[in-house]
Each structure stands twice: as C-alpha cells, then as structure tokens.
C-alpha cells in the first residue's frame, strides 16, 4: 500500500507513469501531488533472524509468512547472507 508523502492519504492513489530510472510514479488525487513511493527497507536483525529460521529447517514460504514478506525475498536474504561466508 502506498501513501502520499505530502498529505499522508492512502486512498485515491493511482499509477502515474515511470521515472527515467524506471521507478513507478504515483499520483494522489486528494492533494494532486505526483511522487515516487518509498522503497521498503527491512532491519538487518529481521534479515538475520529470517536466515536463522531458514537454516533451522523452515521453508522460505514459512519464514516469509512469519515476517509478512514474500518467500522470494527471504531467498534473496539467505543468498546474500551465505555469500558473506
């Protein structure tokens, strides 16, 4: 769910093209502002805990459900975590 940076509204948000870098642009019908949504960032501790759960035998999907993220995201976290060792 996206929210407007200017008025904070989560309703009446529609897609409004893309930036030159390829990021999705959004338009707030309430305050008539065009903006780029903020990218989701997850705390490093959550990523490490998710990796530990996966290594303890849980599936990517099970770990993802616990942290409310997609299983593919958990898979990427595990790959990045394992490449550091």
PDB file of N, CA and C in Angstrom:
ATOM      1  N   UNK A   1       0.845  -1.172   0.000  1.00  0.00           N
ATOM      2  CA  UNK A   1       0.000   0.000   0.000  1.00  0.00           C
ATOM      3  C   UNK A   1       0.891   1.236   0.000  1.00  0.00           C
ATOM      4  N   UNK A   2       0.588   2.160  -0.883  1.00  0.00           N
ATOM      5  CA  UNK A   2       1.360   3.395  -0.932  1.00  0.00           C
ATOM      6  C   UNK A   2       0.611   4.509  -0.219  1.00  0.00           C
ATOM      7  N   UNK A   3       1.354   5.471   0.232  1.00  0.00           N
ATOM      8  CA  UNK A   3       0.766   6.619   0.899  1.00  0.00           C
ATOM      9  C   UNK A   3       1.455   7.869   0.380  1.00  0.00           C
ATOM     10  N   UNK A   4       0.697   8.945   0.334  1.00  0.00           N
ATOM     11  CA  UNK A   4       1.189  10.218  -0.188  1.00  0.00           C
ATOM     12  C   UNK A   4       2.167  10.851   0.808  1.00  0.00           C
ATOM     13  N   UNK A   5       3.298  11.302   0.293  1.00  0.00           N
ATOM     14  CA  UNK A   5       4.297  11.949   1.142  1.00  0.00           C
ATOM     15  C   UNK A   5       3.817  13.307   1.648  1.00  0.00           C
ATOM     16  N   UNK A   6       2.951  13.958   0.877  1.00  0.00           N
ATOM     17  CA  UNK A   6       2.518  15.307   1.239  1.00  0.00           C
ATOM     18  C   UNK A   6       1.361  15.305   2.234  1.00  0.00           C
ATOM     19  N   UNK A   7       0.280  14.550   1.907  1.00  0.00           N
ATOM     20  CA  UNK A   7      -0.907  14.609   2.776  1.00  0.00           C
ATOM     21  C   UNK A   7      -1.085  13.353   3.643  1.00  0.00           C
ATOM     22  N   UNK A   8      -0.325  12.281   3.357  1.00  0.00           N
ATOM     23  CA  UNK A   8      -0.405  11.062   4.155  1.00  0.00           C
ATOM     24  C   UNK A   8      -1.557  10.146   3.807  1.00  0.00           C
ATOM     25  N   UNK A   9      -2.343  10.488   2.798  1.00  0.00           N
ATOM     26  CA  UNK A   9      -3.504   9.690   2.418  1.00  0.00           C
ATOM     27  C   UNK A   9      -3.086   8.361   1.789  1.00  0.00           C
ATOM     28  N   UNK A  10      -3.834   7.306   2.101  1.00  0.00           N
ATOM     29  CA  UNK A  10      -3.596   6.008   1.470  1.00  0.00           C
ATOM     30  C   UNK A  10      -4.681   5.694   0.452  1.00  0.00           C
ATOM     31  N   UNK A  11      -5.684   6.544   0.371  1.00  0.00           N
ATOM     32  CA  UNK A  11      -6.767   6.351  -0.589  1.00  0.00           C
ATOM     33  C   UNK A  11      -6.556   7.275  -1.784  1.00  0.00           C
ATOM     34  N   UNK A  12      -7.173   6.907  -2.898  1.00  0.00           N
ATOM     35  CA  UNK A  12      -7.105   7.706  -4.129  1.00  0.00           C
ATOM     36  C   UNK A  12      -5.689   7.859  -4.664  1.00  0.00           C
ATOM     37  N   UNK A  13      -4.884   6.798  -4.559  1.00  0.00           N
ATOM     38  CA  UNK A  13      -3.540   6.782  -5.111  1.00  0.00           C
ATOM     39  C   UNK A  13      -3.583   5.981  -6.410  1.00  0.00           C
ATOM     40  N   UNK A  14      -3.130   6.573  -7.522  1.00  0.00           N
ATOM     41  CA  UNK A  14      -3.144   5.893  -8.810  1.00  0.00           C
ATOM     42  C   UNK A  14      -1.760   5.964  -9.454  1.00  0.00           C
ATOM     43  N   UNK A  15      -1.464   4.993 -10.312  1.00  0.00           N
ATOM     44  CA  UNK A  15      -0.192   4.984 -11.020  1.00  0.00           C
ATOM     45  C   UNK A  15      -0.146   6.160 -11.986  1.00  0.00           C
ATOM     46  N   UNK A  16       1.065   6.733 -12.124  1.00  0.00           N
ATOM     47  CA  UNK A  16       1.220   7.908 -12.979  1.00  0.00           C
ATOM     48  C   UNK A  16       2.516   7.836 -13.771  1.00  0.00           C
ATOM     49  N   UNK A  17       2.746   6.719 -14.446  1.00  0.00           N
ATOM     50  CA  UNK A  17       3.938   6.580 -15.269  1.00  0.00           C
ATOM     51  C   UNK A  17       5.146   6.123 -14.494  1.00  0.00           C
ATOM     52  N   UNK A  18       6.304   6.296 -15.119  1.00  0.00           N
ATOM     53  CA  UNK A  18       7.563   5.859 -14.507  1.00  0.00           C
ATOM     54  C   UNK A  18       8.600   6.965 -14.645  1.00  0.00           C
ATOM     55  N   UNK A  19       9.588   6.937 -13.756  1.00  0.00           N
ATOM     56  CA  UNK A  19      10.695   7.888 -13.834  1.00  0.00           C
ATOM     57  C   UNK A  19      11.664   7.417 -14.910  1.00  0.00           C
ATOM     58  N   UNK A  20      12.654   8.231 -15.228  1.00  0.00           N
ATOM     59  CA  UNK A  20      13.646   7.845 -16.232  1.00  0.00           C
ATOM     60  C   UNK A  20      14.466   6.638 -15.772  1.00  0.00           C
ATOM     61  N   UNK A  21      14.537   6.432 -14.453  1.00  0.00           N
ATOM     62  CA  UNK A  21      15.250   5.285 -13.901  1.00  0.00           C
ATOM     63  C   UNK A  21      14.389   4.024 -13.876  1.00  0.00           C
ATOM     64  N   UNK A  22      13.094   4.169 -14.177  1.00  0.00           N
ATOM     65  CA  UNK A  22      12.204   3.017 -14.220  1.00  0.00           C
ATOM     66  C   UNK A  22      11.365   2.804 -12.978  1.00  0.00           C
ATOM     67  N   UNK A  23      11.461   3.696 -11.992  1.00  0.00           N
ATOM     68  CA  UNK A  23      10.658   3.573 -10.776  1.00  0.00           C
ATOM     69  C   UNK A  23       9.223   4.015 -11.047  1.00  0.00           C
ATOM     70  N   UNK A  24       8.279   3.361 -10.391  1.00  0.00           N
ATOM     71  CA  UNK A  24       6.863   3.705 -10.543  1.00  0.00           C
ATOM     72  C   UNK A  24       6.569   5.072  -9.923  1.00  0.00           C
ATOM     73  N   UNK A  25       5.831   5.913 -10.623  1.00  0.00           N
ATOM     74  CA  UNK A  25       5.376   7.195 -10.096  1.00  0.00           C
ATOM     75  C   UNK A  25       3.919   7.042  -9.696  1.00  0.00           C
ATOM     76  N   UNK A  26       3.498   7.732  -8.656  1.00  0.00           N
ATOM     77  CA  UNK A  26       2.121   7.675  -8.181  1.00  0.00           C
ATOM     78  C   UNK A  26       1.541   9.083  -8.161  1.00  0.00           C
ATOM     79  N   UNK A  27       0.219   9.160  -8.269  1.00  0.00           N
ATOM     80  CA  UNK A  27      -0.499  10.438  -8.235  1.00  0.00           C
ATOM     81  C   UNK A  27      -1.537  10.362  -7.134  1.00  0.00           C
ATOM     82  N   UNK A  28      -1.535  11.355  -6.247  1.00  0.00           N
ATOM     83  CA  UNK A  28      -2.520  11.440  -5.178  1.00  0.00           C
ATOM     84  C   UNK A  28      -3.653  12.331  -5.664  1.00  0.00           C
ATOM     85  N   UNK A  29      -4.835  11.749  -5.817  1.00  0.00           N
ATOM     86  CA  UNK A  29      -5.993  12.527  -6.282  1.00  0.00           C
ATOM     87  C   UNK A  29      -6.477  13.505  -5.215  1.00  0.00           C
ATOM     88  N   UNK A  30      -6.147  13.231  -3.968  1.00  0.00           N
ATOM     89  CA  UNK A  30      -6.625  14.077  -2.878  1.00  0.00           C
ATOM     90  C   UNK A  30      -5.906  15.429  -2.846  1.00  0.00           C
ATOM     91  N   UNK A  31      -4.575  15.408  -2.940  1.00  0.00           N
ATOM     92  CA  UNK A  31      -3.828  16.676  -2.886  1.00  0.00           C
ATOM     93  C   UNK A  31      -3.145  17.012  -4.213  1.00  0.00           C
ATOM     94  N   UNK A  32      -3.381  16.175  -5.235  1.00  0.00           N
ATOM     95  CA  UNK A  32      -2.864  16.400  -6.597  1.00  0.00           C
ATOM     96  C   UNK A  32      -1.347  16.470  -6.654  1.00  0.00           C
ATOM     97  N   UNK A  33      -0.701  15.561  -5.949  1.00  0.00           N
ATOM     98  CA  UNK A  33       0.750  15.501  -5.927  1.00  0.00           C
ATOM     99  C   UNK A  33       1.227  14.244  -6.654  1.00  0.00           C
ATOM    100  N   UNK A  34       2.295  14.377  -7.434  1.00  0.00           N
ATOM    101  CA  UNK A  34       2.930  13.233  -8.083  1.00  0.00           C
ATOM    102  C   UNK A  34       4.185  12.915  -7.267  1.00  0.00           C
ATOM    103  N   UNK A  35       4.382  11.645  -6.941  1.00  0.00           N
ATOM    104  CA  UNK A  35       5.516  11.261  -6.095  1.00  0.00           C
ATOM    105  C   UNK A  35       5.987   9.850  -6.441  1.00  0.00           C
ATOM    106  N   UNK A  36       7.175   9.509  -5.977  1.00  0.00           N
ATOM    107  CA  UNK A  36       7.715   8.160  -6.101  1.00  0.00           C
ATOM    108  C   UNK A  36       7.608   7.506  -4.733  1.00  0.00           C
ATOM    109  N   UNK A  37       6.937   6.350  -4.629  1.00  0.00           N
ATOM    110  CA  UNK A  37       6.801   5.694  -3.321  1.00  0.00           C
ATOM    111  C   UNK A  37       8.154   5.325  -2.723  1.00  0.00           C
ATOM    112  N   UNK A  38       8.193   5.304  -1.397  1.00  0.00           N
ATOM    113  CA  UNK A  38       9.401   4.938  -0.673  1.00  0.00           C
ATOM    114  C   UNK A  38       9.593   3.429  -0.743  1.00  0.00           C
ATOM    115  N   UNK A  39      10.813   3.004  -1.023  1.00  0.00           N
ATOM    116  CA  UNK A  39      11.130   1.582  -1.101  1.00  0.00           C
ATOM    117  C   UNK A  39      11.113   0.975   0.297  1.00  0.00           C
ATOM    118  N   UNK A  40      10.587  -0.250   0.401  1.00  0.00           N
ATOM    119  CA  UNK A  40      10.555  -0.936   1.695  1.00  0.00           C
ATOM    120  C   UNK A  40      11.971  -1.294   2.125  1.00  0.00           C
ATOM    121  N   UNK A  41      12.269  -1.058   3.384  1.00  0.00           N
ATOM    122  CA  UNK A  41      13.554  -1.429   3.955  1.00  0.00           C
ATOM    123  C   UNK A  41      13.294  -2.274   5.195  1.00  0.00           C
ATOM    124  N   UNK A  42      14.033  -3.345   5.327  1.00  0.00           N
ATOM    125  CA  UNK A  42      13.884  -4.224   6.474  1.00  0.00           C
ATOM    126  C   UNK A  42      15.132  -4.140   7.338  1.00  0.00           C
ATOM    127  N   UNK A  43      14.938  -4.174   8.636  1.00  0.00           N
ATOM    128  CA  UNK A  43      16.022  -4.098   9.600  1.00  0.00           C
ATOM    129  C   UNK A  43      16.957  -5.291   9.431  1.00  0.00           C
ATOM    130  N   UNK A  44      18.242  -5.058   9.626  1.00  0.00           N
ATOM    131  CA  UNK A  44      19.242  -6.118   9.467  1.00  0.00           C
ATOM    132  C   UNK A  44      18.962  -7.278  10.432  1.00  0.00           C
ATOM    133  N   UNK A  45      18.481  -6.970  11.635  1.00  0.00           N
ATOM    134  CA  UNK A  45      18.180  -8.022  12.614  1.00  0.00           C
ATOM    135  C   UNK A  45      17.076  -8.955  12.122  1.00  0.00           C
ATOM    136  N   UNK A  46      16.077  -8.403  11.427  1.00  0.00           N
ATOM    137  CA  UNK A  46      14.998  -9.231  10.882  1.00  0.00           C
ATOM    138  C   UNK A  46      15.543 -10.151   9.803  1.00  0.00           C
ATOM    139  N   UNK A  47      16.434  -9.632   8.968  1.00  0.00           N
ATOM    140  CA  UNK A  47      17.023 -10.445   7.903  1.00  0.00           C
ATOM    141  C   UNK A  47      17.836 -11.601   8.495  1.00  0.00           C
ATOM    142  N   UNK A  48      18.605 -11.307   9.522  1.00  0.00           N
ATOM    143  CA  UNK A  48      19.424 -12.345  10.155  1.00  0.00           C
ATOM    144  C   UNK A  48      18.545 -13.391  10.819  1.00  0.00           C
ATOM    145  N   UNK A  49      17.502 -12.961  11.516  1.00  0.00           N
ATOM    146  CA  UNK A  49      16.579 -13.892  12.155  1.00  0.00           C
ATOM    147  C   UNK A  49      15.877 -14.770  11.123  1.00  0.00           C
ATOM    148  N   UNK A  50      15.490 -14.167   9.993  1.00  0.00           N
ATOM    149  CA  UNK A  50      14.859 -14.937   8.920  1.00  0.00           C
ATOM    150  C   UNK A  50      15.815 -15.987   8.377  1.00  0.00           C
ATOM    151  N   UNK A  51      17.067 -15.630   8.195  1.00  0.00           N
ATOM    152  CA  UNK A  51      18.070 -16.594   7.718  1.00  0.00           C
ATOM    153  C   UNK A  51      18.263 -17.724   8.723  1.00  0.00           C
ATOM    154  N   UNK A  52      18.290 -17.387  10.007  1.00  0.00           N
ATOM    155  CA  UNK A  52      18.451 -18.415  11.040  1.00  0.00           C
ATOM    156  C   UNK A  52      17.271 -19.381  11.034  1.00  0.00           C
ATOM    157  N   UNK A  53      16.058 -18.854  10.870  1.00  0.00           N
ATOM    158  CA  UNK A  53      14.877 -19.720  10.810  1.00  0.00           C
ATOM    159  C   UNK A  53      14.938 -20.641   9.605  1.00  0.00           C
ATOM    160  N   UNK A  54      15.388 -20.103   8.455  1.00  0.00           N
ATOM    161  CA  UNK A  54      15.510 -20.929   7.261  1.00  0.00           C
ATOM    162  C   UNK A  54      16.541 -22.038   7.486  1.00  0.00           C
ATOM    163  N   UNK A  55      17.665 -21.689   8.079  1.00  0.00           N
ATOM    164  CA  UNK A  55      18.727 -22.677   8.317  1.00  0.00           C
ATOM    165  C   UNK A  55      18.322 -23.710   9.367  1.00  0.00           C
ATOM    166  N   UNK A  56      17.329 -23.383  10.200  1.00  0.00           N
ATOM    167  CA  UNK A  56      16.864 -24.335  11.207  1.00  0.00           C
ATOM    168  C   UNK A  56      15.853 -25.325  10.625  1.00  0.00           C
ATOM    169  N   UNK A  57      15.500 -25.152   9.334  1.00  0.00           N
ATOM    170  CA  UNK A  57      14.637 -26.141   8.691  1.00  0.00           C
ATOM    171  C   UNK A  57      13.315 -25.618   8.157  1.00  0.00           C
ATOM    172  N   UNK A  58      13.001 -24.363   8.392  1.00  0.00           N
ATOM    173  CA  UNK A  58      11.765 -23.787   7.863  1.00  0.00           C
ATOM    174  C   UNK A  58      11.936 -23.496   6.376  1.00  0.00           C
ATOM    175  N   UNK A  59      10.827 -23.511   5.637  1.00  0.00           N
ATOM    176  CA  UNK A  59      10.886 -23.185   4.212  1.00  0.00           C
ATOM    177  C   UNK A  59      10.893 -21.668   4.030  1.00  0.00           C
ATOM    178  N   UNK A  60      11.267 -21.240   2.805  1.00  0.00           N
ATOM    179  CA  UNK A  60      11.248 -19.806   2.513  1.00  0.00           C
ATOM    180  C   UNK A  60       9.847 -19.244   2.735  1.00  0.00           C
ATOM    181  N   UNK A  61       8.853 -20.010   2.315  1.00  0.00           N
ATOM    182  CA  UNK A  61       7.475 -19.550   2.434  1.00  0.00           C
ATOM    183  C   UNK A  61       7.055 -19.424   3.900  1.00  0.00           C
ATOM    184  N   UNK A  62       7.425 -20.409   4.735  1.00  0.00           N
ATOM    185  CA  UNK A  62       7.078 -20.359   6.153  1.00  0.00           C
ATOM    186  C   UNK A  62       7.732 -19.159   6.831  1.00  0.00           C
ATOM    187  N   UNK A  63       8.993 -18.926   6.520  1.00  0.00           N
ATOM    188  CA  UNK A  63       9.705 -17.783   7.105  1.00  0.00           C
ATOM    189  C   UNK A  63       9.079 -16.474   6.623  1.00  0.00           C
ATOM    190  N   UNK A  64       8.742 -16.428   5.337  1.00  0.00           N
ATOM    191  CA  UNK A  64       8.117 -15.229   4.783  1.00  0.00           C
ATOM    192  C   UNK A  64       6.801 -14.903   5.459  1.00  0.00           C
ATOM    193  N   UNK A  65       5.986 -15.927   5.720  1.00  0.00           N
ATOM    194  CA  UNK A  65       4.704 -15.700   6.394  1.00  0.00           C
ATOM    195  C   UNK A  65       4.913 -15.137   7.790  1.00  0.00           C
ATOM    196  N   UNK A  66       5.934 -15.618   8.479  1.00  0.00           N
ATOM    197  CA  UNK A  66       6.207 -15.146   9.840  1.00  0.00           C
ATOM    198  C   UNK A  66       6.548 -13.655   9.852  1.00  0.00           C
ATOM    199  N   UNK A  67       7.275 -13.190   8.839  1.00  0.00           N
ATOM    200  CA  UNK A  67       7.707 -11.796   8.794  1.00  0.00           C
ATOM    201  C   UNK A  67       6.892 -10.949   7.813  1.00  0.00           C
ATOM    202  N   UNK A  68       5.847 -11.541   7.245  1.00  0.00           N
ATOM    203  CA  UNK A  68       4.963 -10.838   6.316  1.00  0.00           C
ATOM    204  C   UNK A  68       5.709 -10.311   5.088  1.00  0.00           C
ATOM    205  N   UNK A  69       6.590 -11.154   4.539  1.00  0.00           N
ATOM    206  CA  UNK A  69       7.303 -10.845   3.296  1.00  0.00           C
ATOM    207  C   UNK A  69       7.163 -12.040   2.363  1.00  0.00           C
ATOM    208  N   UNK A  70       7.462 -11.847   1.105  1.00  0.00           N
ATOM    209  CA  UNK A  70       7.387 -12.919   0.128  1.00  0.00           C
ATOM    210  C   UNK A  70       8.539 -13.913   0.346  1.00  0.00           C
ATOM    211  N   UNK A  71       8.289 -15.169   0.028  1.00  0.00           N
ATOM    212  CA  UNK A  71       9.320 -16.199   0.157  1.00  0.00           C
ATOM    213  C   UNK A  71      10.531 -15.915  -0.707  1.00  0.00           C
ATOM    214  N   UNK A  72      10.327 -15.272  -1.869  1.00  0.00           N
ATOM    215  CA  UNK A  72      11.453 -14.919  -2.737  1.00  0.00           C
ATOM    216  C   UNK A  72      12.358 -13.887  -2.075  1.00  0.00           C
ATOM    217  N   UNK A  73      11.783 -13.007  -1.290  1.00  0.00           N
ATOM    218  CA  UNK A  73      12.577 -12.015  -0.561  1.00  0.00           C
ATOM    219  C   UNK A  73      13.461 -12.714   0.467  1.00  0.00           C
ATOM    220  N   UNK A  74      12.883 -13.676   1.167  1.00  0.00           N
ATOM    221  CA  UNK A  74      13.659 -14.441   2.144  1.00  0.00           C
ATOM    222  C   UNK A  74      14.788 -15.184   1.436  1.00  0.00           C
ATOM    223  N   UNK A  75      14.501 -15.746   0.267  1.00  0.00           N
ATOM    224  CA  UNK A  75      15.512 -16.453  -0.512  1.00  0.00           C
ATOM    225  C   UNK A  75      16.679 -15.528  -0.859  1.00  0.00           C
ATOM    226  N   UNK A  76      16.381 -14.303  -1.256  1.00  0.00           N
ATOM    227  CA  UNK A  76      17.447 -13.337  -1.577  1.00  0.00           C
ATOM    228  C   UNK A  76      18.265 -12.997  -0.335  1.00  0.00           C
ATOM    229  N   UNK A  77      17.585 -12.846   0.815  1.00  0.00           N
ATOM    230  CA  UNK A  77      18.306 -12.556   2.054  1.00  0.00           C
ATOM    231  C   UNK A  77      19.267 -13.688   2.388  1.00  0.00           C
ATOM    232  N   UNK A  78      18.820 -14.934   2.248  1.00  0.00           N
ATOM    233  CA  UNK A  78      19.659 -16.089   2.561  1.00  0.00           C
ATOM    234  C   UNK A  78      20.850 -16.140   1.604  1.00  0.00           C
ATOM    235  N   UNK A  79      20.626 -15.880   0.326  1.00  0.00           N
ATOM    236  CA  UNK A  79      21.719 -15.891  -0.647  1.00  0.00           C
ATOM    237  C   UNK A  79      22.764 -14.833  -0.313  1.00  0.00           C
ATOM    238  N   UNK A  80      22.314 -13.630   0.036  1.00  0.00           N
ATOM    239  CA  UNK A  80      23.254 -12.554   0.397  1.00  0.00           C
ATOM    240  C   UNK A  80      23.994 -12.887   1.684  1.00  0.00           C
ATOM    241  N   UNK A  81      23.254 -13.464   2.649  1.00  0.00           N
ATOM    242  CA  UNK A  81      23.856 -13.820   3.930  1.00  0.00           C
ATOM    243  C   UNK A  81      24.909 -14.913   3.742  1.00  0.00           C
ATOM    244  N   UNK A  82      24.609 -15.918   2.911  1.00  0.00           N
ATOM    245  CA  UNK A  82      25.546 -17.033   2.715  1.00  0.00           C
ATOM    246  C   UNK A  82      26.743 -16.621   1.871  1.00  0.00           C
ATOM    247  N   UNK A  83      26.606 -15.609   1.018  1.00  0.00           N
ATOM    248  CA  UNK A  83      27.732 -15.171   0.201  1.00  0.00           C
ATOM    249  C   UNK A  83      28.778 -14.431   1.031  1.00  0.00           C
ATOM    250  N   UNK A  84      28.393 -13.974   2.223  1.00  0.00           N
ATOM    251  CA  UNK A  84      29.344 -13.290   3.099  1.00  0.00           C
ATOM    252  C   UNK A  84      30.276 -14.258   3.809  1.00  0.00           C
ATOM    253  N   UNK A  85      29.979 -15.563   3.734  1.00  0.00           N
ATOM    254  CA  UNK A  85      30.819 -16.553   4.408  1.00  0.00           C
ATOM    255  C   UNK A  85      31.544 -17.425   3.450  1.00  0.00           C
TER     256      UNK A  85
END
